[in-house]
């Protein structure tokens, strides 16, 4: 698990699944969760560029 005070992102192809995971992490572990409506596709469509970040393992 990631420390609760550390910012991280999870994503998947099907937005519904991430919503369920986000609710679970928030309710069961107290993580602060932001729902990115439209997901990565919306960010790219709006002109944002993605850049890699460090891997957490």
Protein backbone atom coordinates (compact mmCIF):
# COMPACT_ATOMS: atom_id res chain seq x y z
CA UNK A 1 0.00 0.00 0.00
CA UNK A 2 0.95 3.62 -0.52
CA UNK A 3 1.24 5.98 2.47
CA UNK A 4 -2.03 7.89 2.92
CA UNK A 5 -0.25 11.24 2.65
CA UNK A 6 1.41 10.39 -0.67
CA UNK A 7 -0.24 11.46 -3.92
CA UNK A 8 -0.73 8.67 -6.44
CA UNK A 9 -2.95 7.81 -9.35
CA UNK A 10 -4.73 4.66 -10.42
CA UNK A 11 -6.38 4.18 -13.75
CA UNK A 12 -7.83 1.49 -15.94
CA UNK A 13 -9.63 1.14 -19.23
CA UNK A 14 -13.10 0.91 -17.70
CA UNK A 15 -13.95 3.99 -15.63
CA UNK A 16 -16.59 2.14 -13.59
CA UNK A 17 -14.02 -0.19 -12.05
CA UNK A 18 -11.82 2.68 -10.92
CA UNK A 19 -14.82 4.35 -9.30
CA UNK A 20 -15.40 1.24 -7.22
CA UNK A 21 -11.72 1.01 -6.28
CA UNK A 22 -11.67 4.70 -5.35
CA UNK A 23 -14.69 4.36 -3.08
CA UNK A 24 -13.15 1.29 -1.43
CA UNK A 25 -9.82 3.06 -0.80
CA UNK A 26 -11.63 6.08 0.61
CA UNK A 27 -14.10 4.22 2.83
CA UNK A 28 -11.88 1.39 4.04
CA UNK A 29 -8.46 3.03 4.27
CA UNK A 30 -9.15 6.76 4.50
CA UNK A 31 -7.43 7.80 1.26
CA UNK A 32 -8.38 11.16 -0.24
CA UNK A 33 -9.80 10.22 -3.64
CA UNK A 34 -10.49 12.50 -6.61
CA UNK A 35 -12.70 11.20 -9.41
CA UNK A 36 -11.33 12.42 -12.73
CA UNK A 37 -14.49 12.59 -14.84
CA UNK A 38 -13.72 11.41 -18.35
CA UNK A 39 -10.43 9.88 -17.27
CA UNK A 40 -7.17 9.99 -19.18
CA UNK A 41 -8.95 10.18 -22.52
CA UNK A 42 -10.61 13.47 -21.52
CA UNK A 43 -7.28 14.95 -20.42
CA UNK A 44 -5.67 14.03 -23.72
CA UNK A 45 -8.66 15.34 -25.67
CA UNK A 46 -8.40 18.63 -23.76
CA UNK A 47 -4.75 18.97 -24.82
CA UNK A 48 -2.95 17.85 -21.68
CA UNK A 49 0.20 15.78 -22.09
CA UNK A 50 1.09 12.84 -19.90
CA UNK A 51 4.54 12.28 -18.49
CA UNK A 52 5.89 9.24 -16.66
CA UNK A 53 6.36 9.28 -12.92
CA UNK A 54 8.30 6.98 -10.66
CA UNK A 55 6.95 3.50 -10.20
CA UNK A 56 5.77 2.47 -6.74
CA UNK A 57 6.33 -1.14 -5.92
